[in-house]
Amino acid sequence: MPDPLLVAIVDDHPLFREGVAGTLGRQVDIAVVAEGESAEDAIAIAGQHLPDIILLDISMPGGGVYAAQEIARQYPVVKVVMLTVSQGEEDVTAALHAGAKAYVLKGVAARELVQVIRNVAAGDVYVTPSLAAGLIFDLTNPQQRLPANPLDDLTERERQILEGIAAGDSNKEIGAQLSLTEKTVKHYVSNILQKLQVRNRVEAALMAHASDRRQGGGS
């Protein structure tokens, strides 16, 4: 059986959050790994757990759009699903431009929410049909500019893992060095490749070596 989808839920209404967690927790292919109530929580959870999917409320403290934007920038491997009551076109557009892969209205049937999560994890995008007209073009990935040195956008943990990649270590070896599971390292590696916009470990290692040479003043 494949590994379950890892899902985090961030909403400042505890009863609603617990209800969604209960619904998702009954699915054999989904595991709820964390809950929070603010944008700050969302960003921290994304960095700590790197879930496959994170559900955000657009109107939570700190702002769901801000959280989506930061998660898309820092942890692009994590896919954002907005689950909210807002039907405002400006909110839909802002969320999609921030990097959300789905925009779902609260009140959606449990089975439909579960299917949206599965579909988004598989690479699809989704907007509640009543809001979708004229907005489909916003579902493309937001334009994200890389910093002058893309490695500058890596977290300390990602830098450590990239050093292992550059040294030719396997995920298992990197995990042993950093006290992480092999699966966690694999998830980090996927995030690193997306941040650096490279296709594989070899290209990531080459980028790391090139950066070392520049910093060392080599030619």
C-alpha atoms as a PDB file:
ATOM      1  CA  MET A   1       0.000   0.000   0.000  1.00  0.00           C
ATOM      2  CA  PRO A   2       1.420   3.445  -0.908  1.00  0.00           C
ATOM      3  CA  ASP A   3       2.307   5.935   1.803  1.00  0.00           C
ATOM      4  CA  PRO A   4      -0.655   8.058   2.927  1.00  0.00           C
ATOM      5  CA  LEU A   5      -0.984  11.676   1.881  1.00  0.00           C
ATOM      6  CA  LEU A   6       0.255  13.937   4.660  1.00  0.00           C
ATOM      7  CA  VAL A   7      -2.194  16.770   5.326  1.00  0.00           C
ATOM      8  CA  ALA A   8      -2.064  19.755   7.699  1.00  0.00           C
ATOM      9  CA  ILE A   9      -5.072  21.905   8.638  1.00  0.00           C
ATOM     10  CA  VAL A  10      -4.796  25.565   9.636  1.00  0.00           C
ATOM     11  CA  ASP A  11      -7.995  27.361  10.657  1.00  0.00           C
ATOM     12  CA  ASP A  12      -8.778  29.599  13.635  1.00  0.00           C
ATOM     13  CA  HIS A  13     -12.125  27.907  14.304  1.00  0.00           C
ATOM     14  CA  PRO A  14     -11.307  24.841  16.457  1.00  0.00           C
ATOM     15  CA  LEU A  15     -14.633  23.055  15.974  1.00  0.00           C
ATOM     16  CA  PHE A  16     -14.437  23.348  12.195  1.00  0.00           C
ATOM     17  CA  ARG A  17     -10.774  22.304  12.186  1.00  0.00           C
ATOM     18  CA  GLU A  18     -11.500  19.279  14.356  1.00  0.00           C
ATOM     19  CA  GLY A  19     -14.397  18.288  12.104  1.00  0.00           C
ATOM     20  CA  VAL A  20     -12.194  18.401   8.991  1.00  0.00           C
ATOM     21  CA  ALA A  21      -9.452  16.492  10.803  1.00  0.00           C
ATOM     22  CA  GLY A  22     -11.961  13.828  11.799  1.00  0.00           C
ATOM     23  CA  THR A  23     -13.254  13.500   8.238  1.00  0.00           C
ATOM     24  CA  LEU A  24      -9.788  13.208   6.743  1.00  0.00           C
ATOM     25  CA  GLY A  25      -8.538  10.931   9.512  1.00  0.00           C
ATOM     26  CA  ARG A  26     -11.115   8.311   8.534  1.00  0.00           C
ATOM     27  CA  GLN A  27      -9.529   7.944   5.100  1.00  0.00           C
ATOM     28  CA  VAL A  28      -7.011   5.113   4.825  1.00  0.00           C
ATOM     29  CA  ASP A  29      -4.894   7.058   2.345  1.00  0.00           C
ATOM     30  CA  ILE A  30      -4.710  10.335   4.314  1.00  0.00           C
ATOM     31  CA  ALA A  31      -2.892  11.175   7.541  1.00  0.00           C
ATOM     32  CA  VAL A  32      -3.408  14.485   9.374  1.00  0.00           C
ATOM     33  CA  VAL A  33       0.049  15.415  10.663  1.00  0.00           C
ATOM     34  CA  ALA A  34      -0.505  18.859  12.207  1.00  0.00           C
ATOM     35  CA  GLU A  35      -3.059  21.556  13.009  1.00  0.00           C
ATOM     36  CA  GLY A  36      -2.746  25.297  13.568  1.00  0.00           C
ATOM     37  CA  GLU A  37      -4.744  28.502  13.688  1.00  0.00           C
ATOM     38  CA  SER A  38      -2.683  31.289  12.108  1.00  0.00           C
ATOM     39  CA  ALA A  39      -0.453  32.185   9.178  1.00  0.00           C
ATOM     40  CA  GLU A  40       2.542  31.903  11.491  1.00  0.00           C
ATOM     41  CA  ASP A  41       1.458  28.383  12.443  1.00  0.00           C
ATOM     42  CA  ALA A  42       0.962  27.466   8.787  1.00  0.00           C
ATOM     43  CA  ILE A  43       4.445  28.517   7.732  1.00  0.00           C
ATOM     44  CA  ALA A  44       6.030  26.765  10.708  1.00  0.00           C
ATOM     45  CA  ILE A  45       4.050  23.578  10.063  1.00  0.00           C
ATOM     46  CA  ALA A  46       4.992  23.600   6.380  1.00  0.00           C
ATOM     47  CA  GLY A  47       8.667  23.840   7.293  1.00  0.00           C
ATOM     48  CA  GLN A  48       8.573  21.251  10.056  1.00  0.00           C
ATOM     49  CA  HIS A  49       6.382  18.596   8.454  1.00  0.00           C
ATOM     50  CA  LEU A  50       6.529  19.313   4.698  1.00  0.00           C
ATOM     51  CA  PRO A  51       3.031  17.880   4.272  1.00  0.00           C
ATOM     52  CA  ASP A  52       1.780  16.973   0.819  1.00  0.00           C
ATOM     53  CA  ILE A  53      -1.226  19.276   1.323  1.00  0.00           C
ATOM     54  CA  ILE A  54      -1.913  22.155   3.706  1.00  0.00           C
ATOM     55  CA  LEU A  55      -5.456  23.490   4.119  1.00  0.00           C
ATOM     56  CA  LEU A  56      -5.655  27.224   4.878  1.00  0.00           C
ATOM     57  CA  ASP A  57      -8.489  29.596   5.784  1.00  0.00           C
ATOM     58  CA  ILE A  58      -8.078  32.848   3.883  1.00  0.00           C
ATOM     59  CA  SER A  59      -9.301  34.984   6.819  1.00  0.00           C
ATOM     60  CA  MET A  60      -7.277  33.422   9.640  1.00  0.00           C
ATOM     61  CA  PRO A  61      -4.963  35.594  11.808  1.00  0.00           C
ATOM     62  CA  GLY A  62      -1.987  36.734   9.766  1.00  0.00           C
ATOM     63  CA  GLY A  63      -3.824  36.105   6.500  1.00  0.00           C
ATOM     64  CA  GLY A  64      -4.193  32.936   4.477  1.00  0.00           C
ATOM     65  CA  VAL A  65      -2.938  34.630   1.319  1.00  0.00           C
ATOM     66  CA  TYR A  66       0.287  35.672   3.063  1.00  0.00           C
ATOM     67  CA  ALA A  67       0.752  32.143   4.394  1.00  0.00           C
ATOM     68  CA  ALA A  68       0.142  30.652   0.939  1.00  0.00           C
ATOM     69  CA  GLN A  69       2.658  33.024  -0.623  1.00  0.00           C
ATOM     70  CA  GLU A  70       5.371  32.207   1.913  1.00  0.00           C
ATOM     71  CA  ILE A  71       4.753  28.469   1.716  1.00  0.00           C
ATOM     72  CA  ALA A  72       4.876  28.557  -2.096  1.00  0.00           C
ATOM     73  CA  ARG A  73       8.155  30.490  -1.901  1.00  0.00           C
ATOM     74  CA  GLN A  74       9.878  28.568   0.883  1.00  0.00           C
ATOM     75  CA  TYR A  75       8.345  25.101   0.559  1.00  0.00           C
ATOM     76  CA  PRO A  76       7.089  24.652  -3.020  1.00  0.00           C
ATOM     77  CA  VAL A  77       6.711  20.918  -2.516  1.00  0.00           C
ATOM     78  CA  VAL A  78       3.776  21.669  -0.169  1.00  0.00           C
ATOM     79  CA  LYS A  79       0.527  22.220  -2.072  1.00  0.00           C
ATOM     80  CA  VAL A  80      -1.864  24.802  -0.653  1.00  0.00           C
ATOM     81  CA  VAL A  81      -5.636  24.289  -0.652  1.00  0.00           C
ATOM     82  CA  MET A  82      -7.756  27.257   0.455  1.00  0.00           C
ATOM     83  CA  LEU A  83     -10.807  26.140   2.418  1.00  0.00           C
ATOM     84  CA  THR A  84     -12.833  29.240   3.229  1.00  0.00           C
ATOM     85  CA  VAL A  85     -16.230  30.956   3.277  1.00  0.00           C
ATOM     86  CA  SER A  86     -15.108  33.880   1.124  1.00  0.00           C
ATOM     87  CA  GLN A  87     -16.600  33.992  -2.358  1.00  0.00           C
ATOM     88  CA  GLY A  88     -15.010  37.332  -3.234  1.00  0.00           C
ATOM     89  CA  GLU A  89     -13.372  37.298  -6.637  1.00  0.00           C
ATOM     90  CA  GLU A  90     -10.458  39.356  -5.286  1.00  0.00           C
ATOM     91  CA  ASP A  91      -9.812  36.710  -2.620  1.00  0.00           C
ATOM     92  CA  VAL A  92      -9.932  33.888  -5.154  1.00  0.00           C
ATOM     93  CA  THR A  93      -7.551  35.708  -7.480  1.00  0.00           C
ATOM     94  CA  ALA A  94      -5.195  36.702  -4.665  1.00  0.00           C
ATOM     95  CA  ALA A  95      -5.045  33.123  -3.357  1.00  0.00           C
ATOM     96  CA  LEU A  96      -4.317  31.677  -6.790  1.00  0.00           C
ATOM     97  CA  HIS A  97      -1.639  34.268  -7.532  1.00  0.00           C
ATOM     98  CA  ALA A  98      -0.100  33.484  -4.126  1.00  0.00           C
ATOM     99  CA  GLY A  99       0.339  29.875  -5.157  1.00  0.00           C
ATOM    100  CA  ALA A 100      -2.767  28.040  -3.950  1.00  0.00           C
ATOM    101  CA  LYS A 101      -3.587  24.984  -6.042  1.00  0.00           C
ATOM    102  CA  ALA A 102      -7.248  24.854  -5.042  1.00  0.00           C
ATOM    103  CA  TYR A 103      -9.940  27.175  -3.708  1.00  0.00           C
ATOM    104  CA  VAL A 104     -12.786  25.366  -1.961  1.00  0.00           C
ATOM    105  CA  LEU A 105     -15.770  26.827  -0.131  1.00  0.00           C
ATOM    106  CA  LYS A 106     -16.611  25.649   3.371  1.00  0.00           C
ATOM    107  CA  GLY A 107     -19.788  23.612   3.316  1.00  0.00           C
ATOM    108  CA  VAL A 108     -18.388  21.334   0.635  1.00  0.00           C
ATOM    109  CA  ALA A 109     -19.395  17.702   1.059  1.00  0.00           C
ATOM    110  CA  ALA A 110     -16.832  15.625   2.923  1.00  0.00           C
ATOM    111  CA  ARG A 111     -16.379  13.173   0.056  1.00  0.00           C
ATOM    112  CA  GLU A 112     -15.810  16.060  -2.377  1.00  0.00           C
ATOM    113  CA  LEU A 113     -13.163  17.644  -0.143  1.00  0.00           C
ATOM    114  CA  VAL A 114     -11.379  14.311   0.135  1.00  0.00           C
ATOM    115  CA  GLN A 115     -11.387  13.939  -3.648  1.00  0.00           C
ATOM    116  CA  VAL A 116     -10.094  17.491  -4.154  1.00  0.00           C
ATOM    117  CA  ILE A 117      -7.188  16.743  -1.804  1.00  0.00           C
ATOM    118  CA  ARG A 118      -6.361  13.554  -3.673  1.00  0.00           C
ATOM    119  CA  ASN A 119      -6.565  15.292  -7.037  1.00  0.00           C
ATOM    120  CA  VAL A 120      -4.412  18.246  -5.982  1.00  0.00           C
ATOM    121  CA  ALA A 121      -1.815  15.873  -4.558  1.00  0.00           C
ATOM    122  CA  ALA A 122      -1.775  14.179  -7.975  1.00  0.00           C
ATOM    123  CA  GLY A 123      -1.061  17.501  -9.685  1.00  0.00           C
ATOM    124  CA  ASP A 124      -4.523  18.852 -10.493  1.00  0.00           C
ATOM    125  CA  VAL A 125      -5.888  22.301  -9.693  1.00  0.00           C
ATOM    126  CA  TYR A 126      -9.414  23.115  -8.557  1.00  0.00           C
ATOM    127  CA  VAL A 127     -11.760  26.027  -7.953  1.00  0.00           C
ATOM    128  CA  THR A 128     -15.297  25.584  -6.633  1.00  0.00           C
ATOM    129  CA  PRO A 129     -17.364  25.562  -9.874  1.00  0.00           C
ATOM    130  CA  SER A 130     -19.497  28.552  -8.879  1.00  0.00           C
ATOM    131  CA  LEU A 131     -16.311  30.652  -8.625  1.00  0.00           C
ATOM    132  CA  ALA A 132     -14.395  29.216 -11.549  1.00  0.00           C
ATOM    133  CA  ALA A 133     -15.786  31.244 -14.453  1.00  0.00           C
ATOM    134  CA  GLY A 134     -13.184  33.646 -15.752  1.00  0.00           C
ATOM    135  CA  LEU A 135     -10.584  32.518 -13.210  1.00  0.00           C
ATOM    136  CA  ILE A 136      -9.183  29.342 -14.731  1.00  0.00           C
ATOM    137  CA  PHE A 137      -6.140  31.166 -16.058  1.00  0.00           C
ATOM    138  CA  ASP A 138      -5.143  31.980 -12.462  1.00  0.00           C
ATOM    139  CA  LEU A 139      -4.571  28.294 -11.736  1.00  0.00           C
ATOM    140  CA  THR A 140      -1.209  28.285 -13.462  1.00  0.00           C
ATOM    141  CA  ASN A 141       1.851  28.423 -11.237  1.00  0.00           C
ATOM    142  CA  PRO A 142       2.614  31.959 -10.027  1.00  0.00           C
ATOM    143  CA  GLN A 143       5.657  33.614 -11.534  1.00  0.00           C
ATOM    144  CA  GLN A 144       8.395  33.320  -8.967  1.00  0.00           C
ATOM    145  CA  ARG A 145      11.702  35.078  -9.407  1.00  0.00           C
ATOM    146  CA  LEU A 146      14.751  33.242  -8.199  1.00  0.00           C
ATOM    147  CA  PRO A 147      17.228  35.219  -6.111  1.00  0.00           C
ATOM    148  CA  ALA A 148      20.580  36.093  -7.683  1.00  0.00           C
ATOM    149  CA  ASN A 149      21.939  32.997  -5.982  1.00  0.00           C
ATOM    150  CA  PRO A 150      19.079  30.465  -5.710  1.00  0.00           C
ATOM    151  CA  LEU A 151      20.868  28.750  -2.833  1.00  0.00           C
ATOM    152  CA  ASP A 152      20.236  31.844  -0.711  1.00  0.00           C
ATOM    153  CA  ASP A 153      16.578  30.839  -0.466  1.00  0.00           C
ATOM    154  CA  LEU A 154      17.333  27.458   1.128  1.00  0.00           C
ATOM    155  CA  THR A 155      16.734  26.877   4.824  1.00  0.00           C
ATOM    156  CA  GLU A 156      19.580  25.721   7.050  1.00  0.00           C
ATOM    157  CA  ARG A 157      18.251  22.146   6.984  1.00  0.00           C
ATOM    158  CA  GLU A 158      17.976  22.244   3.190  1.00  0.00           C
ATOM    159  CA  ARG A 159      21.571  23.486   2.964  1.00  0.00           C
ATOM    160  CA  GLN A 160      22.709  20.550   5.088  1.00  0.00           C
ATOM    161  CA  ILE A 161      20.884  18.109   2.840  1.00  0.00           C
ATOM    162  CA  LEU A 162      22.249  19.778  -0.296  1.00  0.00           C
ATOM    163  CA  GLU A 163      25.761  19.378   1.110  1.00  0.00           C
ATOM    164  CA  GLY A 164      25.071  15.663   1.404  1.00  0.00           C
ATOM    165  CA  ILE A 165      23.773  15.554  -2.168  1.00  0.00           C
ATOM    166  CA  ALA A 166      26.886  17.387  -3.376  1.00  0.00           C
ATOM    167  CA  ALA A 167      29.026  14.863  -1.515  1.00  0.00           C
ATOM    168  CA  GLY A 168      27.283  12.031  -3.344  1.00  0.00           C
ATOM    169  CA  ASP A 169      25.508  10.662  -0.276  1.00  0.00           C
ATOM    170  CA  SER A 170      22.247   8.725  -0.606  1.00  0.00           C
ATOM    171  CA  ASN A 171      19.045   9.780   1.129  1.00  0.00           C
ATOM    172  CA  LYS A 172      19.595   7.023   3.669  1.00  0.00           C
ATOM    173  CA  GLU A 173      23.130   8.218   4.404  1.00  0.00           C
ATOM    174  CA  ILE A 174      22.006  11.842   4.704  1.00  0.00           C
ATOM    175  CA  GLY A 175      19.210  10.772   7.034  1.00  0.00           C
ATOM    176  CA  ALA A 176      21.644   8.908   9.262  1.00  0.00           C
ATOM    177  CA  GLN A 177      23.895  11.962   9.468  1.00  0.00           C
ATOM    178  CA  LEU A 178      21.050  14.353  10.312  1.00  0.00           C
ATOM    179  CA  SER A 179      18.850  11.988  12.375  1.00  0.00           C
ATOM    180  CA  LEU A 180      16.046  12.117   9.811  1.00  0.00           C
ATOM    181  CA  THR A 181      14.080   9.304   8.223  1.00  0.00           C
ATOM    182  CA  GLU A 182      14.872   8.415   4.618  1.00  0.00           C
ATOM    183  CA  LYS A 183      11.330   9.450   3.625  1.00  0.00           C
ATOM    184  CA  THR A 184      11.761  12.868   5.249  1.00  0.00           C
ATOM    185  CA  VAL A 185      15.034  13.400   3.411  1.00  0.00           C
ATOM    186  CA  LYS A 186      13.374  12.409   0.135  1.00  0.00           C
ATOM    187  CA  HIS A 187      10.683  15.033   0.727  1.00  0.00           C
ATOM    188  CA  TYR A 188      13.304  17.677   1.492  1.00  0.00           C
ATOM    189  CA  VAL A 189      15.202  16.763  -1.672  1.00  0.00           C
ATOM    190  CA  SER A 190      12.040  17.271  -3.756  1.00  0.00           C
ATOM    191  CA  ASN A 191      11.586  20.678  -2.174  1.00  0.00           C
ATOM    192  CA  ILE A 192      15.215  21.626  -2.841  1.00  0.00           C
ATOM    193  CA  LEU A 193      14.984  20.611  -6.512  1.00  0.00           C
ATOM    194  CA  GLN A 194      11.859  22.734  -6.954  1.00  0.00           C
ATOM    195  CA  LYS A 195      13.397  25.732  -5.199  1.00  0.00           C
ATOM    196  CA  LEU A 196      16.533  25.546  -7.334  1.00  0.00           C
ATOM    197  CA  GLN A 197      14.470  24.764 -10.450  1.00  0.00           C
ATOM    198  CA  VAL A 198      16.699  21.847 -11.389  1.00  0.00           C
ATOM    199  CA  ARG A 199      15.628  18.460 -12.673  1.00  0.00           C
ATOM    200  CA  ASN A 200      17.652  16.065 -10.565  1.00  0.00           C
ATOM    201  CA  ARG A 201      20.240  15.567  -7.842  1.00  0.00           C
ATOM    202  CA  VAL A 202      23.149  15.839 -10.271  1.00  0.00           C
ATOM    203  CA  GLU A 203      22.107  19.339 -11.367  1.00  0.00           C
ATOM    204  CA  ALA A 204      21.593  20.352  -7.736  1.00  0.00           C
ATOM    205  CA  ALA A 205      25.068  19.088  -6.846  1.00  0.00           C
ATOM    206  CA  LEU A 206      26.594  20.974  -9.772  1.00  0.00           C
ATOM    207  CA  MET A 207      24.873  24.162  -8.643  1.00  0.00           C
ATOM    208  CA  ALA A 208      26.198  23.666  -5.107  1.00  0.00           C
ATOM    209  CA  HIS A 209      29.755  23.078  -6.350  1.00  0.00           C
ATOM    210  CA  ALA A 210      29.539  26.149  -8.616  1.00  0.00           C
ATOM    211  CA  SER A 211      28.411  28.267  -5.667  1.00  0.00           C
ATOM    212  CA  ASP A 212      31.301  26.963  -3.540  1.00  0.00           C
ATOM    213  CA  ARG A 213      33.766  27.896  -6.267  1.00  0.00           C
ATOM    214  CA  ARG A 214      32.342  31.418  -6.529  1.00  0.00           C
ATOM    215  CA  GLN A 215      32.508  31.915  -2.779  1.00  0.00           C
ATOM    216  CA  GLY A 216      36.032  30.564  -2.720  1.00  0.00           C
ATOM    217  CA  GLY A 217      37.089  32.945  -5.448  1.00  0.00           C
ATOM    218  CA  GLY A 218      37.909  30.161  -7.870  1.00  0.00           C
ATOM    219  CA  SER A 219      37.600  30.497 -11.623  1.00  0.00           C
END
